[in-house]
PDB file of N, CA and C in Angstrom:
ATOM      1  N   MET A   1     119.193 105.864 191.324  1.00  0.00           N
ATOM      2  CA  MET A   1     120.182 106.004 192.368  1.00  0.00           C
ATOM      3  C   MET A   1     120.476 107.482 192.628  1.00  0.00           C
ATOM      4  N   ASP A   2     120.483 108.284 191.567  1.00  0.00           N
ATOM      5  CA  ASP A   2     120.775 109.704 191.762  1.00  0.00           C
ATOM      6  C   ASP A   2     119.807 110.351 192.747  1.00  0.00           C
ATOM      7  N   VAL A   3     118.532 109.999 192.656  1.00  0.00           N
ATOM      8  CA  VAL A   3     117.536 110.575 193.560  1.00  0.00           C
ATOM      9  C   VAL A   3     117.853 110.191 194.999  1.00  0.00           C
ATOM     10  N   LEU A   4     118.173 108.935 195.231  1.00  0.00           N
ATOM     11  CA  LEU A   4     118.477 108.492 196.603  1.00  0.00           C
ATOM     12  C   LEU A   4     119.783 109.102 197.097  1.00  0.00           C
ATOM     13  N   TRP A   5     120.780 109.202 196.223  1.00  0.00           N
ATOM     14  CA  TRP A   5     122.034 109.834 196.641  1.00  0.00           C
ATOM     15  C   TRP A   5     121.829 111.314 196.954  1.00  0.00           C
ATOM     16  N   ASP A   6     121.008 111.985 196.156  1.00  0.00           N
ATOM     17  CA  ASP A   6     120.802 113.422 196.354  1.00  0.00           C
ATOM     18  C   ASP A   6     119.853 113.737 197.500  1.00  0.00           C
ATOM     19  N   GLN A   7     118.823 112.905 197.706  1.00  0.00           N
ATOM     20  CA  GLN A   7     117.760 113.229 198.659  1.00  0.00           C
ATOM     21  C   GLN A   7     117.773 112.377 199.925  1.00  0.00           C
ATOM     22  N   GLY A   8     118.466 111.248 199.925  1.00  0.00           N
ATOM     23  CA  GLY A   8     118.429 110.354 201.076  1.00  0.00           C
ATOM     24  C   GLY A   8     117.315 109.330 200.926  1.00  0.00           C
ATOM     25  N   ALA A   9     116.981 108.659 202.003  1.00  0.00           N
ATOM     26  CA  ALA A   9     115.981 107.587 201.985  1.00  0.00           C
ATOM     27  C   ALA A   9     114.627 108.124 201.552  1.00  0.00           C
ATOM     28  N   MET A  10     113.966 107.359 200.663  1.00  0.00           N
ATOM     29  CA  MET A  10     112.681 107.793 200.134  1.00  0.00           C
ATOM     30  C   MET A  10     111.769 106.603 199.886  1.00  0.00           C
ATOM     31  N   THR A  11     110.469 106.880 199.917  1.00  0.00           N
ATOM     32  CA  THR A  11     109.488 105.874 199.526  1.00  0.00           C
ATOM     33  C   THR A  11     109.402 105.858 197.996  1.00  0.00           C
ATOM     34  N   ILE A  12     108.721 104.857 197.481  1.00  0.00           N
ATOM     35  CA  ILE A  12     108.532 104.762 196.031  1.00  0.00           C
ATOM     36  C   ILE A  12     107.840 106.021 195.515  1.00  0.00           C
ATOM     37  N   ARG A  13     106.779 106.449 196.172  1.00  0.00           N
ATOM     38  CA  ARG A  13     106.040 107.646 195.745  1.00  0.00           C
ATOM     39  C   ARG A  13     106.943 108.882 195.768  1.00  0.00           C
ATOM     40  N   GLN A  14     107.774 109.019 196.782  1.00  0.00           N
ATOM     41  CA  GLN A  14     108.683 110.170 196.861  1.00  0.00           C
ATOM     42  C   GLN A  14     109.698 110.155 195.719  1.00  0.00           C
ATOM     43  N   VAL A  15     110.183 108.960 195.370  1.00  0.00           N
ATOM     44  CA  VAL A  15     111.104 108.847 194.237  1.00  0.00           C
ATOM     45  C   VAL A  15     110.396 109.314 192.966  1.00  0.00           C
ATOM     46  N   ILE A  16     109.193 108.826 192.743  1.00  0.00           N
ATOM     47  CA  ILE A  16     108.419 109.210 191.552  1.00  0.00           C
ATOM     48  C   ILE A  16     108.255 110.723 191.487  1.00  0.00           C
ATOM     49  N   ASN A  17     107.953 111.342 192.622  1.00  0.00           N
ATOM     50  CA  ASN A  17     107.738 112.796 192.666  1.00  0.00           C
ATOM     51  C   ASN A  17     108.999 113.585 192.332  1.00  0.00           C
ATOM     52  N   GLN A  18     110.166 112.979 192.480  1.00  0.00           N
ATOM     53  CA  GLN A  18     111.430 113.659 192.184  1.00  0.00           C
ATOM     54  C   GLN A  18     111.855 113.520 190.721  1.00  0.00           C
ATOM     55  N   LEU A  19     111.201 112.641 189.990  1.00  0.00           N
ATOM     56  CA  LEU A  19     111.603 112.371 188.606  1.00  0.00           C
ATOM     57  C   LEU A  19     110.941 113.356 187.648  1.00  0.00           C
ATOM     58  N   PRO A  20     111.621 113.671 186.535  1.00  0.00           N
ATOM     59  CA  PRO A  20     111.053 114.627 185.574  1.00  0.00           C
ATOM     60  C   PRO A  20     109.796 114.104 184.879  1.00  0.00           C
ATOM     61  N   SER A  21     109.700 112.803 184.672  1.00  0.00           N
ATOM     62  CA  SER A  21     108.483 112.200 184.131  1.00  0.00           C
ATOM     63  C   SER A  21     107.802 111.472 185.281  1.00  0.00           C
ATOM     64  N   GLU A  22     106.623 110.941 185.032  1.00  0.00           N
ATOM     65  CA  GLU A  22     105.942 110.210 186.099  1.00  0.00           C
ATOM     66  C   GLU A  22     105.751 108.758 185.677  1.00  0.00           C
ATOM     67  N   PRO A  23     106.786 107.933 185.918  1.00  0.00           N
ATOM     68  CA  PRO A  23     106.661 106.517 185.561  1.00  0.00           C
ATOM     69  C   PRO A  23     105.646 105.827 186.473  1.00  0.00           C
ATOM     70  N   ALA A  24     105.220 104.677 186.039  1.00  0.00           N
ATOM     71  CA  ALA A  24     104.257 103.903 186.831  1.00  0.00           C
ATOM     72  C   ALA A  24     104.874 103.506 188.168  1.00  0.00           C
ATOM     73  N   TYR A  25     104.042 103.483 189.182  1.00  0.00           N
ATOM     74  CA  TYR A  25     104.457 103.082 190.530  1.00  0.00           C
ATOM     75  C   TYR A  25     105.146 101.719 190.477  1.00  0.00           C
ATOM     76  N   THR A  26     104.537 100.781 189.734  1.00  0.00           N
ATOM     77  CA  THR A  26     105.089  99.423 189.665  1.00  0.00           C
ATOM     78  C   THR A  26     106.463  99.402 189.000  1.00  0.00           C
ATOM     79  N   THR A  27     106.704 100.315 188.070  1.00  0.00           N
ATOM     80  CA  THR A  27     108.013 100.384 187.415  1.00  0.00           C
ATOM     81  C   THR A  27     109.092 100.755 188.423  1.00  0.00           C
ATOM     82  N   ILE A  28     108.831 101.784 189.210  1.00  0.00           N
ATOM     83  CA  ILE A  28     109.817 102.221 190.212  1.00  0.00           C
ATOM     84  C   ILE A  28     109.962 101.176 191.305  1.00  0.00           C
ATOM     85  N   ALA A  29     108.860 100.534 191.702  1.00  0.00           N
ATOM     86  CA  ALA A  29     108.936  99.458 192.699  1.00  0.00           C
ATOM     87  C   ALA A  29     109.829  98.335 192.185  1.00  0.00           C
ATOM     88  N   THR A  30     109.694  97.979 190.913  1.00  0.00           N
ATOM     89  CA  THR A  30     110.522  96.919 190.317  1.00  0.00           C
ATOM     90  C   THR A  30     111.983  97.341 190.275  1.00  0.00           C
ATOM     91  N   VAL A  31     112.239  98.572 189.869  1.00  0.00           N
ATOM     92  CA  VAL A  31     113.623  99.073 189.818  1.00  0.00           C
ATOM     93  C   VAL A  31     114.251  99.019 191.209  1.00  0.00           C
ATOM     94  N   LEU A  32     113.537  99.474 192.214  1.00  0.00           N
ATOM     95  CA  LEU A  32     114.080  99.472 193.577  1.00  0.00           C
ATOM     96  C   LEU A  32     114.294  98.048 194.100  1.00  0.00           C
ATOM     97  N   ARG A  33     113.391  97.136 193.767  1.00  0.00           N
ATOM     98  CA  ARG A  33     113.595  95.731 194.169  1.00  0.00           C
ATOM     99  C   ARG A  33     114.839  95.164 193.489  1.00  0.00           C
ATOM    100  N   ASN A  34     115.041  95.501 192.217  1.00  0.00           N
ATOM    101  CA  ASN A  34     116.245  95.042 191.505  1.00  0.00           C
ATOM    102  C   ASN A  34     117.507  95.641 192.121  1.00  0.00           C
ATOM    103  N   LEU A  35     117.449  96.908 192.492  1.00  0.00           N
ATOM    104  CA  LEU A  35     118.601  97.542 193.147  1.00  0.00           C
ATOM    105  C   LEU A  35     118.865  96.898 194.511  1.00  0.00           C
ATOM    106  N   GLU A  36     117.799  96.518 195.205  1.00  0.00           N
ATOM    107  CA  GLU A  36     117.962  95.817 196.492  1.00  0.00           C
ATOM    108  C   GLU A  36     118.615  94.452 196.274  1.00  0.00           C
ATOM    109  N   ARG A  37     118.159  93.735 195.255  1.00  0.00           N
ATOM    110  CA  ARG A  37     118.723  92.411 194.942  1.00  0.00           C
ATOM    111  C   ARG A  37     120.218  92.516 194.616  1.00  0.00           C
ATOM    112  N   LYS A  38     120.615  93.634 194.020  1.00  0.00           N
ATOM    113  CA  LYS A  38     122.022  93.857 193.665  1.00  0.00           C
ATOM    114  C   LYS A  38     122.806  94.490 194.816  1.00  0.00           C
ATOM    115  N   HIS A  39     122.155  94.611 195.969  1.00  0.00           N
ATOM    116  CA  HIS A  39     122.774  95.171 197.181  1.00  0.00           C
ATOM    117  C   HIS A  39     123.190  96.627 197.007  1.00  0.00           C
ATOM    118  N   LEU A  40     122.412  97.381 196.230  1.00  0.00           N
ATOM    119  CA  LEU A  40     122.706  98.798 196.035  1.00  0.00           C
ATOM    120  C   LEU A  40     121.838  99.689 196.921  1.00  0.00           C
ATOM    121  N   VAL A  41     120.676  99.173 197.329  1.00  0.00           N
ATOM    122  CA  VAL A  41     119.801  99.917 198.246  1.00  0.00           C
ATOM    123  C   VAL A  41     119.379  99.008 199.383  1.00  0.00           C
ATOM    124  N   THR A  42     118.980  99.639 200.477  1.00  0.00           N
ATOM    125  CA  THR A  42     118.485  98.918 201.648  1.00  0.00           C
ATOM    126  C   THR A  42     117.079  99.404 201.950  1.00  0.00           C
ATOM    127  N   PRO A  43     116.114  98.486 202.055  1.00  0.00           N
ATOM    128  CA  PRO A  43     114.764  98.904 202.432  1.00  0.00           C
ATOM    129  C   PRO A  43     114.682  99.096 203.948  1.00  0.00           C
ATOM    130  N   GLU A  44     113.941 100.124 204.356  1.00  0.00           N
ATOM    131  CA  GLU A  44     113.745 100.392 205.784  1.00  0.00           C
ATOM    132  C   GLU A  44     112.256 100.587 206.022  1.00  0.00           C
ATOM    133  N   ARG A  45     111.699  99.846 206.959  1.00  0.00           N
ATOM    134  CA  ARG A  45     110.276  99.981 207.304  1.00  0.00           C
ATOM    135  C   ARG A  45     110.055 101.334 207.963  1.00  0.00           C
ATOM    136  N   ASP A  46     108.987 102.006 207.539  1.00  0.00           N
ATOM    137  CA  ASP A  46     108.594 103.290 208.117  1.00  0.00           C
ATOM    138  C   ASP A  46     107.073 103.263 208.239  1.00  0.00           C
ATOM    139  N   GLY A  47     106.597 102.666 209.332  1.00  0.00           N
ATOM    140  CA  GLY A  47     105.153 102.472 209.490  1.00  0.00           C
ATOM    141  C   GLY A  47     104.662 101.484 208.452  1.00  0.00           C
ATOM    142  N   HIS A  48     103.702 101.915 207.631  1.00  0.00           N
ATOM    143  CA  HIS A  48     103.170 101.053 206.569  1.00  0.00           C
ATOM    144  C   HIS A  48     103.972 101.188 205.276  1.00  0.00           C
ATOM    145  N   SER A  49     104.901 102.103 205.247  1.00  0.00           N
ATOM    146  CA  SER A  49     105.691 102.361 204.040  1.00  0.00           C
ATOM    147  C   SER A  49     107.072 101.726 204.150  1.00  0.00           C
ATOM    148  N   VAL A  50     107.729 101.689 203.012  1.00  0.00           N
ATOM    149  CA  VAL A  50     109.121 101.255 202.965  1.00  0.00           C
ATOM    150  C   VAL A  50     109.916 102.384 202.335  1.00  0.00           C
ATOM    151  N   ARG A  51     110.982 102.769 203.007  1.00  0.00           N
ATOM    152  CA  ARG A  51     111.891 103.766 202.465  1.00  0.00           C
ATOM    153  C   ARG A  51     113.123 103.024 201.974  1.00  0.00           C
ATOM    154  N   TYR A  52     113.631 103.468 200.860  1.00  0.00           N
ATOM    155  CA  TYR A  52     114.831 102.867 200.286  1.00  0.00           C
ATOM    156  C   TYR A  52     115.989 103.837 200.448  1.00  0.00           C
ATOM    157  N   ARG A  53     117.113 103.303 200.908  1.00  0.00           N
ATOM    158  CA  ARG A  53     118.318 104.106 201.144  1.00  0.00           C
ATOM    159  C   ARG A  53     119.469 103.489 200.356  1.00  0.00           C
ATOM    160  N   ALA A  54     120.279 104.324 199.736  1.00  0.00           N
ATOM    161  CA  ALA A  54     121.478 103.841 199.047  1.00  0.00           C
ATOM    162  C   ALA A  54     122.421 103.219 200.078  1.00  0.00           C
ATOM    163  N   ARG A  55     122.977 102.065 199.762  1.00  0.00           N
ATOM    164  CA  ARG A  55     123.895 101.395 200.697  1.00  0.00           C
ATOM    165  C   ARG A  55     125.246 102.087 200.777  1.00  0.00           C
ATOM    166  N   HIS A  56     125.627 102.740 199.685  1.00  0.00           N
ATOM    167  CA  HIS A  56     126.927 103.415 199.621  1.00  0.00           C
ATOM    168  C   HIS A  56     126.732 104.813 199.063  1.00  0.00           C
ATOM    169  N   THR A  57     127.640 105.696 199.380  1.00  0.00           N
ATOM    170  CA  THR A  57     127.597 107.019 198.770  1.00  0.00           C
ATOM    171  C   THR A  57     127.924 106.888 197.284  1.00  0.00           C
ATOM    172  N   ARG A  58     127.648 107.919 196.536  1.00  0.00           N
ATOM    173  CA  ARG A  58     127.960 107.947 195.112  1.00  0.00           C
ATOM    174  C   ARG A  58     129.468 107.694 194.902  1.00  0.00           C
ATOM    175  N   GLU A  59     130.287 108.296 195.738  1.00  0.00           N
ATOM    176  CA  GLU A  59     131.740 108.143 195.626  1.00  0.00           C
ATOM    177  C   GLU A  59     132.195 106.725 195.970  1.00  0.00           C
ATOM    178  N   GLN A  60     131.613 106.149 197.004  1.00  0.00           N
ATOM    179  CA  GLN A  60     131.936 104.762 197.348  1.00  0.00           C
ATOM    180  C   GLN A  60     131.513 103.821 196.225  1.00  0.00           C
ATOM    181  N   HIS A  61     130.364 104.093 195.626  1.00  0.00           N
ATOM    182  CA  HIS A  61     129.880 103.265 194.527  1.00  0.00           C
ATOM    183  C   HIS A  61     130.839 103.332 193.340  1.00  0.00           C
ATOM    184  N   ALA A  62     131.296 104.536 193.004  1.00  0.00           N
ATOM    185  CA  ALA A  62     132.254 104.692 191.902  1.00  0.00           C
ATOM    186  C   ALA A  62     133.536 103.919 192.195  1.00  0.00           C
ATOM    187  N   ALA A  63     134.004 103.985 193.428  1.00  0.00           N
ATOM    188  CA  ALA A  63     135.220 103.251 193.809  1.00  0.00           C
ATOM    189  C   ALA A  63     135.003 101.742 193.699  1.00  0.00           C
ATOM    190  N   LEU A  64     133.824 101.262 194.103  1.00  0.00           N
ATOM    191  CA  LEU A  64     133.527  99.836 193.984  1.00  0.00           C
ATOM    192  C   LEU A  64     133.502  99.401 192.519  1.00  0.00           C
ATOM    193  N   LEU A  65     132.945 100.242 191.640  1.00  0.00           N
ATOM    194  CA  LEU A  65     132.934  99.931 190.211  1.00  0.00           C
ATOM    195  C   LEU A  65     134.356  99.839 189.660  1.00  0.00           C
ATOM    196  N   MET A  66     135.211 100.764 190.093  1.00  0.00           N
ATOM    197  CA  MET A  66     136.610 100.716 189.645  1.00  0.00           C
ATOM    198  C   MET A  66     137.294  99.446 190.146  1.00  0.00           C
ATOM    199  N   GLU A  67     137.014  99.075 191.382  1.00  0.00           N
ATOM    200  CA  GLU A  67     137.613  97.856 191.933  1.00  0.00           C
ATOM    201  C   GLU A  67     137.135  96.624 191.170  1.00  0.00           C
ATOM    202  N   HIS A  68     135.844  96.576 190.821  1.00  0.00           N
ATOM    203  CA  HIS A  68     135.326  95.447 190.036  1.00  0.00           C
ATOM    204  C   HIS A  68     135.985  95.391 188.662  1.00  0.00           C
ATOM    205  N   ALA A  69     136.178  96.546 188.057  1.00  0.00           N
ATOM    206  CA  ALA A  69     136.826  96.590 186.743  1.00  0.00           C
ATOM    207  C   ALA A  69     138.264  96.087 186.843  1.00  0.00           C
ATOM    208  N   LEU A  70     138.972  96.491 187.866  1.00  0.00           N
ATOM    209  CA  LEU A  70     140.356  96.020 188.041  1.00  0.00           C
ATOM    210  C   LEU A  70     140.389  94.527 188.331  1.00  0.00           C
ATOM    211  N   ALA A  71     139.434  94.043 189.096  1.00  0.00           N
ATOM    212  CA  ALA A  71     139.391  92.620 189.427  1.00  0.00           C
ATOM    213  C   ALA A  71     139.129  91.771 188.181  1.00  0.00           C
ATOM    214  N   ALA A  72     138.426  92.348 187.189  1.00  0.00           N
ATOM    215  CA  ALA A  72     138.121  91.611 185.964  1.00  0.00           C
ATOM    216  C   ALA A  72     139.299  91.581 184.993  1.00  0.00           C
ATOM    217  N   SER A  73     140.286  92.407 185.239  1.00  0.00           N
ATOM    218  CA  SER A  73     141.438  92.495 184.341  1.00  0.00           C
ATOM    219  C   SER A  73     142.419  91.358 184.598  1.00  0.00           C
ATOM    220  N   ARG A  74     143.032  90.893 183.544  1.00  0.00           N
ATOM    221  CA  ARG A  74     144.087  89.875 183.720  1.00  0.00           C
ATOM    222  C   ARG A  74     145.412  90.523 184.083  1.00  0.00           C
ATOM    223  N   ASP A  75     145.534  91.819 183.805  1.00  0.00           N
ATOM    224  CA  ASP A  75     146.752  92.557 184.132  1.00  0.00           C
ATOM    225  C   ASP A  75     146.353  93.837 184.848  1.00  0.00           C
ATOM    226  N   ARG A  76     146.216  93.712 186.156  1.00  0.00           N
ATOM    227  CA  ARG A  76     145.746  94.826 186.990  1.00  0.00           C
ATOM    228  C   ARG A  76     146.614  96.066 186.822  1.00  0.00           C
ATOM    229  N   ALA A  77     147.932  95.881 186.809  1.00  0.00           N
ATOM    230  CA  ALA A  77     148.852  97.018 186.684  1.00  0.00           C
ATOM    231  C   ALA A  77     148.655  97.730 185.350  1.00  0.00           C
ATOM    232  N   ALA A  78     148.541  96.975 184.267  1.00  0.00           N
ATOM    233  CA  ALA A  78     148.346  97.586 182.947  1.00  0.00           C
ATOM    234  C   ALA A  78     147.018  98.342 182.904  1.00  0.00           C
ATOM    235  N   SER A  79     145.979  97.785 183.497  1.00  0.00           N
ATOM    236  CA  SER A  79     144.680  98.454 183.521  1.00  0.00           C
ATOM    237  C   SER A  79     144.760  99.761 184.301  1.00  0.00           C
ATOM    238  N   MET A  80     145.441  99.734 185.442  1.00  0.00           N
ATOM    239  CA  MET A  80     145.605 100.951 186.233  1.00  0.00           C
ATOM    240  C   MET A  80     146.375 102.006 185.445  1.00  0.00           C
ATOM    241  N   LEU A  81     147.432 101.599 184.766  1.00  0.00           N
ATOM    242  CA  LEU A  81     148.242 102.552 184.004  1.00  0.00           C
ATOM    243  C   LEU A  81     147.454 103.136 182.832  1.00  0.00           C
ATOM    244  N   HIS A  82     146.661 102.325 182.161  1.00  0.00           N
ATOM    245  CA  HIS A  82     145.812 102.842 181.082  1.00  0.00           C
ATOM    246  C   HIS A  82     144.808 103.857 181.626  1.00  0.00           C
ATOM    247  N   PHE A  83     144.246 103.549 182.771  1.00  0.00           N
ATOM    248  CA  PHE A  83     143.295 104.476 183.394  1.00  0.00           C
ATOM    249  C   PHE A  83     143.982 105.798 183.732  1.00  0.00           C
ATOM    250  N   ILE A  84     145.150 105.724 184.349  1.00  0.00           N
ATOM    251  CA  ILE A  84     145.876 106.937 184.730  1.00  0.00           C
ATOM    252  C   ILE A  84     146.255 107.755 183.500  1.00  0.00           C
ATOM    253  N   ASP A  85     146.644 107.076 182.423  1.00  0.00           N
ATOM    254  CA  ASP A  85     146.962 107.786 181.177  1.00  0.00           C
ATOM    255  C   ASP A  85     145.745 108.514 180.606  1.00  0.00           C
ATOM    256  N   ALA A  86     144.543 108.034 180.915  1.00  0.00           N
ATOM    257  CA  ALA A  86     143.330 108.603 180.337  1.00  0.00           C
ATOM    258  C   ALA A  86     142.717 109.731 181.173  1.00  0.00           C
ATOM    259  N   ILE A  87     143.144 109.890 182.423  1.00  0.00           N
ATOM    260  CA  ILE A  87     142.523 110.913 183.269  1.00  0.00           C
ATOM    261  C   ILE A  87     143.181 112.272 183.036  1.00  0.00           C
ATOM    262  N   SER A  88     142.488 113.299 183.464  1.00  0.00           N
ATOM    263  CA  SER A  88     142.953 114.669 183.245  1.00  0.00           C
ATOM    264  C   SER A  88     144.207 114.960 184.077  1.00  0.00           C
ATOM    265  N   PRO A  89     145.010 115.928 183.645  1.00  0.00           N
ATOM    266  CA  PRO A  89     146.190 116.316 184.423  1.00  0.00           C
ATOM    267  C   PRO A  89     145.842 116.734 185.850  1.00  0.00           C
ATOM    268  N   SER A  90     144.695 117.388 186.034  1.00  0.00           N
ATOM    269  CA  SER A  90     144.317 117.796 187.397  1.00  0.00           C
ATOM    270  C   SER A  90     144.004 116.577 188.267  1.00  0.00           C
ATOM    271  N   ASP A  91     143.410 115.531 187.668  1.00  0.00           N
ATOM    272  CA  ASP A  91     143.154 114.303 188.427  1.00  0.00           C
ATOM    273  C   ASP A  91     144.464 113.575 188.743  1.00  0.00           C
ATOM    274  N   VAL A  92     145.426 113.632 187.823  1.00  0.00           N
ATOM    275  CA  VAL A  92     146.741 113.037 188.084  1.00  0.00           C
ATOM    276  C   VAL A  92     147.393 113.752 189.268  1.00  0.00           C
ATOM    277  N   GLU A  93     147.284 115.074 189.296  1.00  0.00           N
ATOM    278  CA  GLU A  93     147.856 115.837 190.410  1.00  0.00           C
ATOM    279  C   GLU A  93     147.160 115.512 191.725  1.00  0.00           C
ATOM    280  N   LEU A  94     145.856 115.346 191.674  1.00  0.00           N
ATOM    281  CA  LEU A  94     145.112 114.957 192.876  1.00  0.00           C
ATOM    282  C   LEU A  94     145.600 113.606 193.385  1.00  0.00           C
ATOM    283  N   LEU A  95     145.756 112.660 192.482  1.00  0.00           N
ATOM    284  CA  LEU A  95     146.248 111.330 192.843  1.00  0.00           C
ATOM    285  C   LEU A  95     147.667 111.411 193.397  1.00  0.00           C
ATOM    286  N   ARG A  96     148.512 112.182 192.724  1.00  0.00           N
ATOM    287  CA  ARG A  96     149.900 112.340 193.177  1.00  0.00           C
ATOM    288  C   ARG A  96     149.946 112.950 194.578  1.00  0.00           C
ATOM    289  N   SER A  97     149.155 113.974 194.797  1.00  0.00           N
ATOM    290  CA  SER A  97     149.112 114.635 196.097  1.00  0.00           C
ATOM    291  C   SER A  97     148.645 113.667 197.187  1.00  0.00           C
ATOM    292  N   TYR A  98     147.628 112.885 196.876  1.00  0.00           N
ATOM    293  CA  TYR A  98     147.117 111.915 197.841  1.00  0.00           C
ATOM    294  C   TYR A  98     148.188 110.873 198.175  1.00  0.00           C
ATOM    295  N   LEU A  99     148.827 110.331 197.147  1.00  0.00           N
ATOM    296  CA  LEU A  99     149.841 109.298 197.369  1.00  0.00           C
ATOM    297  C   LEU A  99     151.052 109.853 198.104  1.00  0.00           C
ATOM    298  N   ASP A 100     151.441 111.084 197.799  1.00  0.00           N
ATOM    299  CA  ASP A 100     152.565 111.710 198.504  1.00  0.00           C
ATOM    300  C   ASP A 100     152.259 111.917 199.977  1.00  0.00           C
ATOM    301  N   GLY A 101     150.966 112.121 200.310  1.00  0.00           N
ATOM    302  CA  GLY A 101     150.565 112.372 201.680  1.00  0.00           C
ATOM    303  C   GLY A 101     150.406 111.120 202.523  1.00  0.00           C
ATOM    304  N   ARG A 102     150.364 109.974 201.863  1.00  0.00           N
ATOM    305  CA  ARG A 102     150.219 108.721 202.616  1.00  0.00           C
ATOM    306  C   ARG A 102     151.517 108.388 203.319  1.00  0.00           C
ATOM    307  N   THR A 103     151.389 107.865 204.509  1.00  0.00           N
ATOM    308  CA  THR A 103     152.582 107.471 205.255  1.00  0.00           C
ATOM    309  C   THR A 103     152.862 105.997 205.007  1.00  0.00           C
ATOM    310  N   ALA A 104     154.077 105.595 205.181  1.00  0.00           N
ATOM    311  CA  ALA A 104     154.453 104.187 205.027  1.00  0.00           C
ATOM    312  C   ALA A 104     153.619 103.343 205.982  1.00  0.00           C
ATOM    313  N   GLY A 105     153.054 102.279 205.454  1.00  0.00           N
ATOM    314  CA  GLY A 105     152.264 101.369 206.282  1.00  0.00           C
ATOM    315  C   GLY A 105     150.805 101.789 206.421  1.00  0.00           C
ATOM    316  N   ASP A 106     150.415 102.905 205.842  1.00  0.00           N
ATOM    317  CA  ASP A 106     149.023 103.362 205.886  1.00  0.00           C
ATOM    318  C   ASP A 106     148.213 102.489 204.939  1.00  0.00           C
ATOM    319  N   ASP A 107     147.201 101.803 205.452  1.00  0.00           N
ATOM    320  CA  ASP A 107     146.427 100.848 204.647  1.00  0.00           C
ATOM    321  C   ASP A 107     145.088 101.408 204.191  1.00  0.00           C
ATOM    322  N   ARG A 108     144.948 102.711 204.072  1.00  0.00           N
ATOM    323  CA  ARG A 108     143.676 103.290 203.634  1.00  0.00           C
ATOM    324  C   ARG A 108     143.186 102.726 202.384  1.00  0.00           C
TER     325      ARG A 108
END
């Protein structure tokens, strides 16, 4: 996913060329098919080739993971508070600043 997030849509061969080792073509093809099955990448026809594109940005993906984690909790509020207690003071300030800037009724 890092390669697709950093470089944009790529063919299997292009992904292989970006990796520090050279895994088998079939290995990367299998990984990309699995990512497609999990709705993390979208295949796009490009002539005889297929380019794979990340469905979400890295930041959107992280937010979706956090939402899934909260959805799995039996006590969403407690999970959120534990998370906030664990983040850095600068991240707490970022969150505070964002929340202070939201207007009443803003559904972002």
